[in-house]
Each structure stands twice: as C-alpha cells, then as structure tokens.
C-alpha cells in the first residue's frame, strides 16, 4: 500500500483502539524480562502499566506467562459476538 492509504487505515484504527504511552519504565521492564522477543516484552509491559484488560495478537506463544488474557483478533471477535 502507498503511504496515503496506510495513514488512512491507521487513522480509522486509532478511533477503535486506545493508544498508550511508552516510557523509560516500560523499556526497563522489557529489557530485564524473560521475554525472548523484545517487542513482545514492550507490548506486554506497556499493557500492564496502562491497566489494559487484554492483549490481542497473532503471536500467542510468546505470551504464555501473561498475567492478562491474550487472544487472537478472531478469538476476540467471537467472544464479543455472544
């Protein structure tokens, strides 16, 4: 996709999703964590610090020790259709 289309999609997504801040504390926790994937660690600790109720990802295997529920987008949609 071209840049214009990507920006349009991201603007629409921002209406549906809460954008949370990343700070030095989150990075420190991620750096000192047992996560093998640093980006997953950042996502996890940013969610923890922002009191997020659920993490939605395609990468469930890296969040096995999560203290918050983790599910795929499809699982989330199915859960909310009930």
C-alpha atoms as a PDB file:
ATOM      1  CA  UNK A   1       0.000   0.000   0.000  1.00  0.00           C
ATOM      2  CA  UNK A   2       1.084   3.544  -0.520  1.00  0.00           C
ATOM      3  CA  UNK A   3       1.759   5.868   2.392  1.00  0.00           C
ATOM      4  CA  UNK A   4      -1.519   7.749   1.984  1.00  0.00           C
ATOM      5  CA  UNK A   5      -3.594   4.562   2.209  1.00  0.00           C
ATOM      6  CA  UNK A   6      -1.656   3.310   5.249  1.00  0.00           C
ATOM      7  CA  UNK A   7      -2.208   6.617   7.051  1.00  0.00           C
ATOM      8  CA  UNK A   8      -5.929   6.467   6.271  1.00  0.00           C
ATOM      9  CA  UNK A   9      -6.164   2.958   7.717  1.00  0.00           C
ATOM     10  CA  UNK A  10      -4.203   3.953  10.825  1.00  0.00           C
ATOM     11  CA  UNK A  11      -6.493   6.947  11.407  1.00  0.00           C
ATOM     12  CA  UNK A  12      -9.500   4.612  11.320  1.00  0.00           C
ATOM     13  CA  UNK A  13      -7.794   2.137  13.633  1.00  0.00           C
ATOM     14  CA  UNK A  14      -6.988   4.877  16.132  1.00  0.00           C
ATOM     15  CA  UNK A  15     -10.712   5.552  16.511  1.00  0.00           C
ATOM     16  CA  UNK A  16     -11.221   1.921  17.561  1.00  0.00           C
ATOM     17  CA  UNK A  17      -8.128   1.406  19.692  1.00  0.00           C
ATOM     18  CA  UNK A  18      -6.622   3.190  22.653  1.00  0.00           C
ATOM     19  CA  UNK A  19      -3.068   4.350  22.018  1.00  0.00           C
ATOM     20  CA  UNK A  20      -0.919   4.003  25.132  1.00  0.00           C
ATOM     21  CA  UNK A  21       2.344   5.670  26.049  1.00  0.00           C
ATOM     22  CA  UNK A  22       5.716   4.019  26.286  1.00  0.00           C
ATOM     23  CA  UNK A  23       8.160   5.324  28.813  1.00  0.00           C
ATOM     24  CA  UNK A  24      11.515   4.504  30.291  1.00  0.00           C
ATOM     25  CA  UNK A  25       9.949   2.269  32.969  1.00  0.00           C
ATOM     26  CA  UNK A  26       8.297   0.095  30.308  1.00  0.00           C
ATOM     27  CA  UNK A  27      11.573  -0.207  28.399  1.00  0.00           C
ATOM     28  CA  UNK A  28      13.472  -1.100  31.580  1.00  0.00           C
ATOM     29  CA  UNK A  29      10.961  -3.806  32.474  1.00  0.00           C
ATOM     30  CA  UNK A  30      11.108  -5.176  28.924  1.00  0.00           C
ATOM     31  CA  UNK A  31      14.917  -5.168  28.918  1.00  0.00           C
ATOM     32  CA  UNK A  32      15.027  -7.047  32.213  1.00  0.00           C
ATOM     33  CA  UNK A  33      12.274  -9.519  31.406  1.00  0.00           C
ATOM     34  CA  UNK A  34      12.456 -13.142  30.359  1.00  0.00           C
ATOM     35  CA  UNK A  35      10.704 -12.430  27.061  1.00  0.00           C
ATOM     36  CA  UNK A  36      12.728 -13.697  24.117  1.00  0.00           C
ATOM     37  CA  UNK A  37      11.161 -11.098  21.814  1.00  0.00           C
ATOM     38  CA  UNK A  38      11.839  -7.526  22.956  1.00  0.00           C
ATOM     39  CA  UNK A  39       8.865  -6.097  21.039  1.00  0.00           C
ATOM     40  CA  UNK A  40       6.520  -8.549  22.763  1.00  0.00           C
ATOM     41  CA  UNK A  41       8.001  -7.532  26.109  1.00  0.00           C
ATOM     42  CA  UNK A  42       7.375  -3.861  25.330  1.00  0.00           C
ATOM     43  CA  UNK A  43       3.771  -4.602  24.368  1.00  0.00           C
ATOM     44  CA  UNK A  44       3.223  -6.666  27.495  1.00  0.00           C
ATOM     45  CA  UNK A  45       4.688  -4.201  29.996  1.00  0.00           C
ATOM     46  CA  UNK A  46       3.056  -1.217  28.291  1.00  0.00           C
ATOM     47  CA  UNK A  47      -0.267  -3.045  28.674  1.00  0.00           C
ATOM     48  CA  UNK A  48       0.455  -3.812  32.340  1.00  0.00           C
ATOM     49  CA  UNK A  49       1.429  -0.214  33.111  1.00  0.00           C
ATOM     50  CA  UNK A  50      -1.665   1.131  31.332  1.00  0.00           C
ATOM     51  CA  UNK A  51      -4.105  -1.251  33.061  1.00  0.00           C
ATOM     52  CA  UNK A  52      -5.083  -2.873  29.773  1.00  0.00           C
ATOM     53  CA  UNK A  53      -7.562  -5.754  30.145  1.00  0.00           C
ATOM     54  CA  UNK A  54      -6.494  -7.865  27.174  1.00  0.00           C
ATOM     55  CA  UNK A  55      -3.718  -8.236  24.604  1.00  0.00           C
ATOM     56  CA  UNK A  56      -4.758  -9.067  21.055  1.00  0.00           C
ATOM     57  CA  UNK A  57      -2.026 -10.625  18.938  1.00  0.00           C
ATOM     58  CA  UNK A  58      -1.358 -13.301  16.340  1.00  0.00           C
ATOM     59  CA  UNK A  59       1.609 -14.394  18.434  1.00  0.00           C
ATOM     60  CA  UNK A  60       0.022 -16.244  21.362  1.00  0.00           C
ATOM     61  CA  UNK A  61       3.009 -18.497  22.043  1.00  0.00           C
ATOM     62  CA  UNK A  62       5.226 -15.675  23.302  1.00  0.00           C
ATOM     63  CA  UNK A  63       2.665 -14.576  25.894  1.00  0.00           C
ATOM     64  CA  UNK A  64       2.175 -17.919  27.681  1.00  0.00           C
ATOM     65  CA  UNK A  65       3.161 -16.483  31.067  1.00  0.00           C
ATOM     66  CA  UNK A  66       0.994 -13.380  30.710  1.00  0.00           C
ATOM     67  CA  UNK A  67      -0.949 -12.154  33.732  1.00  0.00           C
ATOM     68  CA  UNK A  68      -3.524 -10.622  31.389  1.00  0.00           C
ATOM     69  CA  UNK A  69      -5.682 -12.554  28.909  1.00  0.00           C
ATOM     70  CA  UNK A  70      -4.097 -12.859  25.463  1.00  0.00           C
ATOM     71  CA  UNK A  71      -6.024 -13.858  22.348  1.00  0.00           C
ATOM     72  CA  UNK A  72      -6.115 -13.529  18.601  1.00  0.00           C
ATOM     73  CA  UNK A  73      -8.266 -10.948  16.881  1.00  0.00           C
ATOM     74  CA  UNK A  74     -10.622 -13.702  15.709  1.00  0.00           C
ATOM     75  CA  UNK A  75     -10.961 -15.076  19.249  1.00  0.00           C
ATOM     76  CA  UNK A  76     -11.752 -11.573  20.484  1.00  0.00           C
ATOM     77  CA  UNK A  77     -14.406 -11.031  17.813  1.00  0.00           C
ATOM     78  CA  UNK A  78     -16.022 -14.412  18.552  1.00  0.00           C
ATOM     79  CA  UNK A  79     -16.016 -13.665  22.277  1.00  0.00           C
ATOM     80  CA  UNK A  80     -17.810 -10.354  21.691  1.00  0.00           C
ATOM     81  CA  UNK A  81     -20.449 -11.825  19.376  1.00  0.00           C
ATOM     82  CA  UNK A  82     -22.104 -13.739  22.200  1.00  0.00           C
END
